[in-house]
Amino acid sequence: MPITTRLATFEDVPALQHLIERSARGLSSGFYTPAQAESAIKYVFGVDSQLLIDGTYYLAETDNDIIACGGWSRRNTLFGGDQHKDIEDPLLNPAIDAARIRAFFVDPGYARQGLGRMMIDLCETAAKDYGFTKMELGATLPGVPLYEAMGYRAIERIDLTLPDGEIMGIVKMGKRLH
């Protein structure tokens, strides 16, 4: 089946949420405990409506099934869905700030088949076209190897304490666009 990409819409949100949950549960094994994964689904992972409004959130689908999603942002938030934000998300300045790679999730049945790379390329090209020369992201531990393979380097480790006391490791990473 051919894989196509398109901008995500608000009508896609229920399917995207389901994909995000499947991805988090299926690809976190060995990196996070089941309790950490469930806590992240509840408090961190999810669709960020601002990406939909800005037209910077993409999905990949095959035969009308959404199998991957991810986006880029010209706003300050580094990671997290709507449930993780409580302030307005200020715009970044492309001349001095790094655009953000945001909310990447792949269906476990399609993992390690190039979808993440394809989606990152799409987002980096769009951010570069917008005027950004560098990117940053908050990588989950399962995502770190992909981002490293794509030229991202670790900036700092963040141990995020979630409302239920679970601690989730995130790696802030960055890259210059060429």
Protein backbone atom coordinates (compact mmCIF):
# COMPACT_ATOMS: atom_id res chain seq x y z
CA MET A 1 0.00 0.00 0.00
CA PRO A 2 1.29 3.48 -0.81
CA ILE A 3 1.93 5.85 2.08
CA THR A 4 0.74 9.43 1.69
CA THR A 5 1.22 12.46 3.91
CA ARG A 6 -1.04 15.43 4.49
CA LEU A 7 -1.76 18.13 7.02
CA ALA A 8 -3.78 16.88 9.97
CA THR A 9 -7.17 18.44 10.69
CA PHE A 10 -9.37 18.68 13.76
CA GLU A 11 -11.48 15.84 12.29
CA ASP A 12 -8.38 13.61 12.61
CA VAL A 13 -7.96 14.23 16.36
CA PRO A 14 -9.77 11.09 17.63
CA ALA A 15 -7.73 8.84 15.32
CA LEU A 16 -4.54 10.70 16.22
CA GLN A 17 -5.20 10.26 19.95
CA HIS A 18 -5.69 6.54 19.39
CA LEU A 19 -2.43 6.36 17.40
CA ILE A 20 -0.57 8.28 20.11
CA GLU A 21 -1.77 5.86 22.79
CA ARG A 22 -0.84 2.78 20.69
CA SER A 23 2.55 4.23 19.90
CA ALA A 24 3.33 5.18 23.49
CA ARG A 25 2.32 1.79 24.83
CA GLY A 26 3.91 -0.22 22.04
CA LEU A 27 7.22 1.57 21.61
CA SER A 28 8.03 2.56 25.21
CA SER A 29 8.84 -0.97 26.38
CA GLY A 30 12.43 -1.14 27.57
CA PHE A 31 12.64 2.63 27.91
CA TYR A 32 9.79 3.47 30.30
CA THR A 33 7.82 1.33 32.73
CA PRO A 34 4.16 0.66 31.90
CA ALA A 35 3.22 3.09 34.69
CA GLN A 36 5.42 5.82 33.19
CA ALA A 37 3.92 5.25 29.73
CA GLU A 38 0.35 5.45 31.06
CA SER A 39 1.17 8.58 33.05
CA ALA A 40 2.73 10.21 29.96
CA ILE A 41 -0.38 9.37 27.92
CA LYS A 42 -2.54 11.00 30.57
CA TYR A 43 -0.44 14.09 31.32
CA VAL A 44 1.93 14.76 28.40
CA PHE A 45 1.30 12.93 25.13
CA GLY A 46 -1.48 14.13 22.92
CA VAL A 47 -2.44 16.39 20.10
CA ASP A 48 -1.41 20.03 20.45
CA SER A 49 -4.27 22.00 18.90
CA GLN A 50 -1.96 24.91 18.16
CA LEU A 51 -0.10 22.77 15.61
CA LEU A 52 -3.39 22.09 13.83
CA ILE A 53 -4.32 25.78 13.88
CA ASP A 54 -0.88 26.75 12.57
CA GLY A 55 -1.01 24.12 9.81
CA THR A 56 2.24 22.47 10.91
CA TYR A 57 1.05 19.01 12.00
CA TYR A 58 1.22 16.19 9.50
CA LEU A 59 0.10 12.61 9.35
CA ALA A 60 1.05 9.63 7.24
CA GLU A 61 -1.62 7.22 6.16
CA THR A 62 -2.09 4.12 4.12
CA ASP A 63 -5.47 2.87 2.99
CA ASN A 64 -7.08 5.64 5.13
CA ASP A 65 -5.37 4.38 8.30
CA ILE A 66 -3.23 6.94 10.13
CA ILE A 67 0.10 5.24 10.82
CA ALA A 68 2.32 8.16 11.89
CA CYS A 69 2.08 11.78 12.90
CA GLY A 70 4.42 14.60 13.69
CA GLY A 71 4.89 18.28 13.24
CA TRP A 72 7.00 21.33 13.65
CA SER A 73 6.29 24.54 15.46
CA ARG A 74 7.24 28.17 15.31
CA ARG A 75 6.13 28.46 18.94
CA ASN A 76 7.99 28.11 22.22
CA THR A 77 6.54 24.83 23.57
CA LEU A 78 9.10 22.02 23.35
CA PHE A 79 6.79 19.05 23.96
CA GLY A 80 3.38 17.97 25.18
CA GLY A 81 -0.23 18.01 24.05
CA ASP A 82 -3.04 20.33 25.04
CA GLN A 83 -3.27 18.80 28.51
CA HIS A 84 0.38 19.75 29.20
CA LYS A 85 0.04 23.49 28.48
CA ASP A 86 -1.64 26.17 30.51
CA ILE A 87 -0.25 29.38 29.01
CA GLU A 88 -0.39 30.97 25.58
CA ASP A 89 2.34 29.62 23.34
CA PRO A 90 4.49 32.57 22.19
CA LEU A 91 5.93 32.74 18.68
CA LEU A 92 9.63 32.17 18.06
CA ASN A 93 11.85 34.43 15.95
CA PRO A 94 13.34 32.46 13.02
CA ALA A 95 16.39 34.78 13.00
CA ILE A 96 17.50 33.74 16.49
CA ASP A 97 15.34 30.85 17.76
CA ALA A 98 15.12 27.18 16.86
CA ALA A 99 11.88 25.79 15.44
CA ARG A 100 10.51 22.77 17.30
CA ILE A 101 9.97 19.22 16.12
CA ARG A 102 6.80 18.16 17.92
CA ALA A 103 4.53 15.25 18.76
CA PHE A 104 6.01 12.43 16.67
CA PHE A 105 4.31 9.07 17.01
CA VAL A 106 4.41 5.95 14.82
CA ASP A 107 2.09 2.96 14.88
CA PRO A 108 4.13 0.09 16.41
CA GLY A 109 3.24 -2.10 13.41
CA TYR A 110 5.02 0.37 11.14
CA ALA A 111 7.98 1.22 13.37
CA ARG A 112 11.50 1.25 11.94
CA GLN A 113 10.31 1.44 8.34
CA GLY A 114 11.40 5.01 7.61
CA LEU A 115 8.19 6.81 8.57
CA GLY A 116 9.81 8.88 11.31
CA ARG A 117 12.63 9.92 8.99
CA MET A 118 10.14 10.81 6.24
CA MET A 119 8.06 12.94 8.61
CA ILE A 120 11.10 14.70 10.09
CA ASP A 121 12.36 15.55 6.60
CA LEU A 122 8.93 17.01 5.79
CA CYS A 123 8.94 19.13 8.96
CA GLU A 124 12.54 20.32 8.61
CA THR A 125 11.90 21.41 5.02
CA ALA A 126 8.78 23.35 6.05
CA ALA A 127 10.60 25.03 8.97
CA LYS A 128 13.54 25.92 6.72
CA ASP A 129 11.14 27.38 4.12
CA TYR A 130 9.67 29.50 6.95
CA GLY A 131 13.14 30.90 7.67
CA PHE A 132 14.43 28.78 10.56
CA THR A 133 18.06 27.63 10.50
CA LYS A 134 17.98 25.36 13.52
CA MET A 135 15.64 22.90 15.20
CA GLU A 136 15.09 21.67 18.75
CA LEU A 137 12.96 18.91 20.20
CA GLY A 138 12.13 17.10 23.39
CA ALA A 139 12.81 13.45 22.57
CA THR A 140 11.29 10.55 24.41
CA LEU A 141 13.89 7.91 25.15
CA PRO A 142 12.64 5.56 22.37
CA GLY A 143 13.01 8.42 19.87
CA VAL A 144 16.59 9.38 20.73
CA PRO A 145 18.26 6.88 18.32
CA LEU A 146 16.20 8.12 15.36
CA TYR A 147 16.93 11.77 16.12
CA GLU A 148 20.65 11.05 16.59
CA ALA A 149 20.67 9.26 13.21
CA MET A 150 19.10 12.41 11.70
CA GLY A 151 21.87 14.66 13.04
CA TYR A 152 20.32 15.85 16.31
CA ARG A 153 22.59 16.09 19.35
CA ALA A 154 21.66 16.01 23.03
CA ILE A 155 21.57 19.37 24.79
CA GLU A 156 20.27 18.27 28.19
CA ARG A 157 18.40 15.51 29.98
CA ILE A 158 15.11 16.53 31.57
CA ASP A 159 13.51 14.37 34.25
CA LEU A 160 9.89 15.48 34.13
CA THR A 161 7.92 14.75 37.31
CA LEU A 162 4.31 14.08 36.34
CA PRO A 163 1.30 14.90 38.57
CA ASP A 164 1.04 11.29 39.78
CA GLY A 165 4.71 11.20 40.82
CA GLU A 166 5.98 9.21 37.85
CA ILE A 167 9.21 10.52 36.37
CA MET A 168 9.64 10.60 32.61
CA GLY A 169 13.04 11.10 31.02
CA ILE A 170 13.12 13.49 28.06
CA VAL A 171 16.21 14.53 26.09
CA LYS A 172 16.32 18.06 24.71
CA MET A 173 18.10 17.82 21.35
CA GLY A 174 19.10 20.27 18.64
CA LYS A 175 20.30 20.48 15.07
CA ARG A 176 21.40 23.14 12.56
CA LEU A 177 19.59 23.04 9.22
CA HIS A 178 21.71 23.21 6.06
